[in-house]
Amino acid sequence: MSTTAQGRTSTAAVIFVLGAVAFLFYRLQLILLPFVVPGLLAYLCNPIINWMASKTRLSRSFFAVIAFVTLVLIATLVGIMGLPPLLAELTRIITDFQGTLTRLAHALIGDGTANFFGRSMNATQLAQTAESAVRDWIGEPGKILELGEIAFSTAFGFFLSIVLLFYFLYSGPSVMRRLLWLLPPAQRPFVLDIWCKLDPILKRYFVGVLIIVTYAATAAYIGLGVVLQLPHAIPLAVLTGLLEMIPIIGPAATIVIAGLVAVGHATGLWAITAYAIYAMALRLSIDQLFGPLALGTAAQLHPVAIIFCFITGGLLFGIAGFILAVPVALVVRTYLTLLYREP
């Protein structure tokens, strides 16, 4: 029996397994991210590790350790460059929170007044009301504990990701063999056939993601540093590029961070308006033009399908769903292509 015929006979079983896996991921979405990011990094680095081991005849483990140390050093360098200025800006915003809100309110309504829920307020009153609302929210019972849990979970997830990255780099092929062993022996040739066709498509897709990250960082530096002349433009540009790998949530975070910096250093209404124009232009160029075109060309999917996958994956599985949405769509398309015997 051919591998395609075997695939056809197991369509119902495959659909059932995919549904069960999707339900499991939905229930465990909070712990997926520390596994997804290191797994993707290891997937991109493993071909380089294998190639270097084959060319030099040295141990694969040696190059896996080299790759791990290199990635950790890059992450450390980015942190050293970006965290101190960002923490300084965050400290300045917190210590002068009402002043930041006042400048933002002045940019929105000027020297006049505006009606909010039946109450007429000027910029200063609006800032005071917003600050009081934030203070009341933080003062609610359990909020400090909740913020502490988020901080602890983030720190734990970060260190867990580092440990998992080492294991995925060091024993990536072994992990793949064990995953393949979980499948029934009769289905392994069909799954291997799918993987052989899917692997180059996935690599093209992730290369497209790296191109978007580079574009976002470059455009952010031009807009923030050259045009708007904001302080800390380089760390903000690097942060913009890195967070671009997390659709919707990442870009929203960079807009808020850079926006607070822009408001804090604004010298007038035009500076804040210019930042708003920049943020809108950057998001439109990435989300509606460059991103879907680059990812659609790399993955051979229509830009509309790319956008739909991002939104659906994010709503169902959170940040990990954003990251895995298009790769999962590529897996489904490759499987159906083989099942239907289409080129």
Protein backbone atom coordinates (compact mmCIF):
# COMPACT_ATOMS: atom_id res chain seq x y z
CA MET A 1 0.00 0.00 0.00
CA SER A 2 1.37 3.45 -0.92
CA THR A 3 2.05 6.07 1.69
CA THR A 4 -0.76 8.23 0.29
CA ALA A 5 -3.22 5.35 0.55
CA GLN A 6 -2.15 4.78 4.11
CA GLY A 7 -2.77 8.45 4.78
CA ARG A 8 -6.25 8.20 3.29
CA THR A 9 -7.21 5.24 5.44
CA SER A 10 -6.27 7.12 8.57
CA THR A 11 -7.97 10.45 7.83
CA ALA A 12 -10.54 10.03 10.61
CA ALA A 13 -7.84 9.02 13.09
CA VAL A 14 -5.67 11.99 12.11
CA ILE A 15 -8.59 14.41 12.49
CA PHE A 16 -9.37 12.95 15.92
CA VAL A 17 -5.73 13.23 17.04
CA LEU A 18 -5.46 16.82 15.75
CA GLY A 19 -8.65 17.74 17.60
CA ALA A 20 -7.37 16.16 20.80
CA VAL A 21 -4.02 17.96 20.49
CA ALA A 22 -5.77 21.28 19.80
CA PHE A 23 -7.95 20.83 22.90
CA LEU A 24 -4.91 19.94 25.01
CA PHE A 25 -3.04 23.01 23.76
CA TYR A 26 -6.09 25.17 24.50
CA ARG A 27 -6.15 23.95 28.10
CA LEU A 28 -2.38 24.33 28.51
CA GLN A 29 -1.88 27.58 26.59
CA LEU A 30 -0.35 29.36 29.60
CA ILE A 31 2.65 26.99 29.65
CA LEU A 32 3.13 26.66 25.89
CA LEU A 33 5.26 29.75 25.32
CA PRO A 34 8.44 28.57 27.16
CA PHE A 35 8.36 25.47 24.94
CA VAL A 36 7.40 27.11 21.65
CA VAL A 37 10.07 29.83 21.46
CA PRO A 38 13.08 27.60 22.34
CA GLY A 39 11.72 24.90 20.04
CA LEU A 40 11.56 27.30 17.09
CA LEU A 41 15.05 28.66 17.79
CA ALA A 42 16.43 25.12 17.96
CA TYR A 43 14.59 24.19 14.74
CA LEU A 44 16.25 27.09 12.91
CA CYS A 45 19.70 26.42 14.40
CA ASN A 46 19.79 22.62 14.06
CA PRO A 47 20.49 22.60 10.28
CA ILE A 48 23.48 24.89 10.85
CA ILE A 49 24.71 22.70 13.72
CA ASN A 50 24.38 19.53 11.62
CA TRP A 51 26.11 21.15 8.63
CA MET A 52 29.06 22.34 10.71
CA ALA A 53 29.40 18.93 12.36
CA SER A 54 29.43 17.18 8.98
CA LYS A 55 31.98 19.59 7.49
CA THR A 56 34.40 19.57 10.41
CA ARG A 57 33.85 15.97 11.59
CA LEU A 58 33.63 17.29 15.13
CA SER A 59 30.93 16.25 17.56
CA ARG A 60 27.47 17.65 16.99
CA SER A 61 27.23 18.26 20.74
CA PHE A 62 30.18 20.65 20.55
CA PHE A 63 28.46 22.87 17.98
CA ALA A 64 25.17 22.64 19.88
CA VAL A 65 26.90 24.09 22.95
CA ILE A 66 28.53 26.78 20.78
CA ALA A 67 25.12 27.71 19.33
CA PHE A 68 23.56 27.86 22.81
CA VAL A 69 26.34 30.09 24.17
CA THR A 70 26.07 32.35 21.09
CA LEU A 71 22.31 32.78 21.48
CA VAL A 72 22.63 33.50 25.20
CA LEU A 73 25.37 36.07 24.51
CA ILE A 74 23.21 37.78 21.89
CA ALA A 75 20.26 37.90 24.29
CA THR A 76 22.55 39.26 27.03
CA LEU A 77 23.93 41.94 24.71
CA VAL A 78 20.43 43.02 23.71
CA GLY A 79 19.44 43.14 27.38
CA ILE A 80 22.50 45.21 28.33
CA MET A 81 21.81 47.64 25.49
CA GLY A 82 18.07 47.92 25.95
CA LEU A 83 17.09 47.32 29.58
CA PRO A 84 18.94 50.18 31.38
CA PRO A 85 17.51 53.01 29.21
CA LEU A 86 14.05 51.43 29.19
CA LEU A 87 14.11 50.99 32.97
CA ALA A 88 15.26 54.60 33.32
CA GLU A 89 12.34 55.76 31.18
CA LEU A 90 9.93 53.56 33.14
CA THR A 91 11.20 55.01 36.42
CA ARG A 92 10.82 58.53 35.09
CA ILE A 93 7.26 57.82 33.93
CA ILE A 94 6.26 56.28 37.28
CA THR A 95 7.76 59.10 39.34
CA ASP A 96 6.07 61.72 37.15
CA PHE A 97 2.98 59.71 36.24
CA GLN A 98 0.51 62.57 36.61
CA GLY A 99 2.73 64.89 34.57
CA THR A 100 2.90 62.30 31.77
CA LEU A 101 -0.88 61.90 31.84
CA THR A 102 -1.34 65.67 31.82
CA ARG A 103 0.86 66.11 28.75
CA LEU A 104 -1.02 63.33 27.01
CA ALA A 105 -4.39 64.86 27.91
CA HIS A 106 -3.23 68.27 26.65
CA ALA A 107 -2.26 66.64 23.37
CA LEU A 108 -5.73 65.08 23.09
CA ILE A 109 -8.02 67.95 24.10
CA GLY A 110 -5.75 71.02 24.21
CA ASP A 111 -6.63 73.85 26.60
CA GLY A 112 -10.37 73.27 26.34
CA THR A 113 -12.66 70.82 28.09
CA ALA A 114 -14.22 67.51 27.10
CA ASN A 115 -17.24 65.58 28.29
CA PHE A 116 -16.52 62.13 29.78
CA PHE A 117 -19.52 60.21 31.11
CA GLY A 118 -21.49 63.41 31.60
CA ARG A 119 -18.70 65.28 33.37
CA SER A 120 -16.84 68.20 31.81
CA MET A 121 -13.07 68.08 32.48
CA ASN A 122 -10.00 69.92 31.31
CA ALA A 123 -6.63 68.23 30.69
CA THR A 124 -5.44 68.51 34.30
CA GLN A 125 -8.68 67.14 35.73
CA LEU A 126 -8.67 64.31 33.20
CA ALA A 127 -5.10 63.37 34.19
CA GLN A 128 -5.99 63.45 37.89
CA THR A 129 -9.02 61.24 37.29
CA ALA A 130 -6.95 58.73 35.30
CA GLU A 131 -4.24 58.66 37.98
CA SER A 132 -6.85 58.09 40.69
CA ALA A 133 -8.35 55.24 38.68
CA VAL A 134 -4.93 53.58 38.32
CA ARG A 135 -4.22 54.01 42.04
CA ASP A 136 -7.62 52.56 42.97
CA TRP A 137 -7.05 49.61 40.61
CA ILE A 138 -3.65 48.86 42.15
CA GLY A 139 -5.10 49.28 45.62
CA GLU A 140 -7.81 46.65 45.08
CA PRO A 141 -7.40 43.53 47.24
CA GLY A 142 -5.30 40.93 45.50
CA LYS A 143 -3.97 43.18 42.72
CA ILE A 144 -0.47 43.43 44.16
CA LEU A 145 -0.44 39.66 44.61
CA GLU A 146 -1.67 39.21 41.04
CA LEU A 147 1.08 41.48 39.67
CA GLY A 148 3.61 39.56 41.75
CA GLU A 149 2.39 36.27 40.30
CA ILE A 150 2.74 37.67 36.78
CA ALA A 151 6.29 38.84 37.52
CA PHE A 152 7.23 35.48 39.05
CA SER A 153 5.68 33.54 36.15
CA THR A 154 7.54 35.71 33.64
CA ALA A 155 10.87 35.18 35.40
CA PHE A 156 10.25 31.44 35.78
CA GLY A 157 9.23 31.14 32.12
CA PHE A 158 12.37 33.01 31.02
CA PHE A 159 14.76 30.69 32.88
CA LEU A 160 12.74 27.64 31.81
CA SER A 161 13.07 28.78 28.19
CA ILE A 162 16.87 28.96 28.55
CA VAL A 163 17.03 25.41 29.95
CA LEU A 164 14.72 24.06 27.25
CA LEU A 165 16.71 25.84 24.54
CA PHE A 166 19.84 23.97 25.62
CA TYR A 167 18.06 20.61 25.58
CA PHE A 168 16.43 21.26 22.20
CA LEU A 169 19.76 22.30 20.66
CA TYR A 170 21.73 19.49 22.25
CA SER A 171 19.29 16.66 21.56
CA GLY A 172 17.00 17.99 18.82
CA PRO A 173 17.26 14.95 16.49
CA SER A 174 16.66 12.62 19.42
CA VAL A 175 13.50 14.54 20.37
CA MET A 176 12.25 14.27 16.76
CA ARG A 177 12.87 10.50 16.71
CA ARG A 178 10.96 10.04 19.95
CA LEU A 179 8.03 12.09 18.63
CA LEU A 180 8.01 9.95 15.48
CA TRP A 181 8.07 6.80 17.62
CA LEU A 182 4.76 7.85 19.19
CA LEU A 183 3.06 7.30 15.82
CA PRO A 184 1.89 3.86 14.66
CA PRO A 185 4.61 2.19 12.54
CA ALA A 186 2.31 2.06 9.50
CA GLN A 187 1.88 5.84 9.56
CA ARG A 188 5.53 6.82 9.97
CA PRO A 189 6.43 6.77 6.24
CA PHE A 190 3.46 9.01 5.43
CA VAL A 191 4.37 11.45 8.22
CA LEU A 192 8.01 11.51 7.06
CA ASP A 193 6.79 12.24 3.53
CA ILE A 194 4.77 15.17 4.87
CA TRP A 195 7.76 16.45 6.84
CA CYS A 196 10.12 16.27 3.86
CA LYS A 197 7.78 18.51 1.89
CA LEU A 198 6.90 20.75 4.83
CA ASP A 199 10.41 21.42 6.16
CA PRO A 200 11.61 23.78 3.36
CA ILE A 201 8.29 25.65 3.43
CA LEU A 202 8.57 26.25 7.19
CA LYS A 203 12.15 27.44 6.81
CA ARG A 204 11.10 29.93 4.12
CA TYR A 205 8.32 31.17 6.38
CA PHE A 206 10.64 31.77 9.34
CA VAL A 207 13.13 33.51 7.04
CA GLY A 208 10.21 35.77 6.09
CA VAL A 209 9.62 36.45 9.80
CA LEU A 210 13.29 37.44 10.22
CA ILE A 211 12.98 39.80 7.22
CA ILE A 212 9.97 41.47 8.85
CA VAL A 213 11.86 41.79 12.15
CA THR A 214 14.75 43.48 10.33
CA TYR A 215 12.38 45.79 8.47
CA ALA A 216 10.50 46.73 11.65
CA ALA A 217 13.71 47.52 13.55
CA THR A 218 15.12 49.58 10.68
CA ALA A 219 11.90 51.51 10.09
CA ALA A 220 11.48 52.11 13.83
CA TYR A 221 14.97 53.56 14.13
CA ILE A 222 14.42 55.85 11.14
CA GLY A 223 11.10 57.05 12.55
CA LEU A 224 12.06 57.31 16.23
CA GLY A 225 15.70 58.35 15.96
CA VAL A 226 16.12 60.21 12.67
CA VAL A 227 12.70 61.84 12.20
CA LEU A 228 11.30 62.22 15.73
CA GLN A 229 14.74 62.33 17.43
CA LEU A 230 13.55 60.52 20.54
CA PRO A 231 16.11 59.43 23.14
CA HIS A 232 17.00 55.73 23.33
CA ALA A 233 15.99 55.24 19.69
CA ILE A 234 18.31 52.24 19.17
CA PRO A 235 16.97 50.16 22.12
CA LEU A 236 13.42 51.06 21.14
CA ALA A 237 14.10 50.01 17.53
CA VAL A 238 15.63 46.69 18.60
CA LEU A 239 12.68 46.09 20.95
CA THR A 240 10.26 46.88 18.13
CA GLY A 241 11.94 44.33 15.87
CA LEU A 242 12.05 41.58 18.50
CA LEU A 243 8.45 42.06 19.65
CA GLU A 244 7.34 41.98 16.01
CA MET A 245 7.75 38.20 16.25
CA ILE A 246 4.70 38.19 18.56
CA PRO A 247 1.82 39.37 16.36
CA ILE A 248 -0.66 41.97 17.69
CA ILE A 249 0.48 41.83 21.35
CA GLY A 250 4.14 42.58 20.58
CA PRO A 251 3.47 45.55 18.29
CA ALA A 252 0.89 46.93 20.74
CA ALA A 253 3.45 46.78 23.53
CA THR A 254 6.07 48.62 21.47
CA ILE A 255 3.58 51.34 20.52
CA VAL A 256 2.71 51.89 24.19
CA ILE A 257 6.36 51.92 25.33
CA ALA A 258 7.57 54.22 22.57
CA GLY A 259 4.44 56.35 22.99
CA LEU A 260 5.14 56.91 26.68
CA VAL A 261 8.70 57.93 25.82
CA ALA A 262 7.39 60.29 23.13
CA VAL A 263 4.85 61.86 25.49
CA GLY A 264 7.47 62.19 28.25
CA HIS A 265 9.87 64.08 25.98
CA ALA A 266 7.31 65.93 23.84
CA THR A 267 7.82 69.66 23.51
CA GLY A 268 4.40 70.35 22.07
CA LEU A 269 1.31 68.99 20.38
CA TRP A 270 3.11 68.51 17.05
CA ALA A 271 5.63 66.06 18.58
CA ILE A 272 2.86 63.80 19.90
CA THR A 273 0.90 64.10 16.65
CA ALA A 274 4.04 63.20 14.68
CA TYR A 275 4.52 60.10 16.83
CA ALA A 276 0.90 59.06 16.28
CA ILE A 277 1.37 59.42 12.51
CA TYR A 278 4.61 57.41 12.69
CA ALA A 279 3.01 54.61 14.74
CA MET A 280 0.04 54.38 12.38
CA ALA A 281 2.26 54.36 9.26
CA LEU A 282 4.57 51.68 10.70
CA ARG A 283 1.70 49.42 11.70
CA LEU A 284 -0.09 49.79 8.37
CA SER A 285 3.10 49.13 6.42
CA ILE A 286 3.83 45.95 8.39
CA ASP A 287 0.38 44.54 9.15
CA GLN A 288 -1.41 45.35 5.92
CA LEU A 289 1.36 45.42 3.32
CA PHE A 290 4.88 44.24 4.02
CA GLY A 291 4.07 41.53 6.59
CA PRO A 292 1.33 39.63 4.75
CA LEU A 293 3.19 39.94 1.44
CA ALA A 294 6.51 38.72 2.86
CA LEU A 295 4.99 35.90 4.89
CA GLY A 296 2.51 34.99 2.16
CA THR A 297 5.28 34.76 -0.44
CA ALA A 298 7.55 32.77 1.87
CA ALA A 299 4.83 30.37 2.99
CA GLN A 300 2.90 30.37 -0.31
CA LEU A 301 -0.28 31.40 1.49
CA HIS A 302 -2.61 34.26 0.57
CA PRO A 303 -2.14 37.37 2.77
CA VAL A 304 -5.79 37.13 3.87
CA ALA A 305 -5.15 33.58 5.07
CA ILE A 306 -2.09 34.82 7.00
CA ILE A 307 -4.14 37.50 8.79
CA PHE A 308 -6.96 35.04 9.54
CA CYS A 309 -4.50 32.50 10.99
CA PHE A 310 -2.92 35.11 13.26
CA ILE A 311 -6.26 36.30 14.65
CA THR A 312 -7.72 32.80 15.12
CA GLY A 313 -4.57 31.35 16.68
CA GLY A 314 -4.21 34.28 19.05
CA LEU A 315 -7.82 34.17 20.22
CA LEU A 316 -7.68 30.42 20.85
CA PHE A 317 -4.17 29.85 22.20
CA GLY A 318 -2.75 33.24 23.21
CA ILE A 319 0.78 34.31 22.30
CA ALA A 320 1.83 30.76 21.44
CA GLY A 321 -1.14 30.61 19.08
CA PHE A 322 0.04 33.77 17.33
CA ILE A 323 3.45 32.21 16.76
CA LEU A 324 2.25 28.77 15.67
CA ALA A 325 -0.83 29.80 13.68
CA VAL A 326 0.76 29.93 10.22
CA PRO A 327 3.03 26.86 10.71
CA VAL A 328 -0.02 24.82 11.72
CA ALA A 329 -1.86 26.07 8.64
CA LEU A 330 1.11 24.96 6.52
CA VAL A 331 1.01 21.51 8.13
CA VAL A 332 -2.70 21.15 7.33
CA ARG A 333 -2.22 22.35 3.76
CA THR A 334 0.70 19.98 3.13
CA TYR A 335 -1.26 17.06 4.57
CA LEU A 336 -4.29 17.81 2.42
CA THR A 337 -2.11 18.26 -0.66
CA LEU A 338 -0.65 14.79 -0.22
CA LEU A 339 -4.01 13.32 0.66
CA TYR A 340 -5.66 14.77 -2.47
CA ARG A 341 -2.61 13.93 -4.65
CA GLU A 342 -2.30 17.52 -5.78
CA PRO A 343 1.02 19.22 -6.66
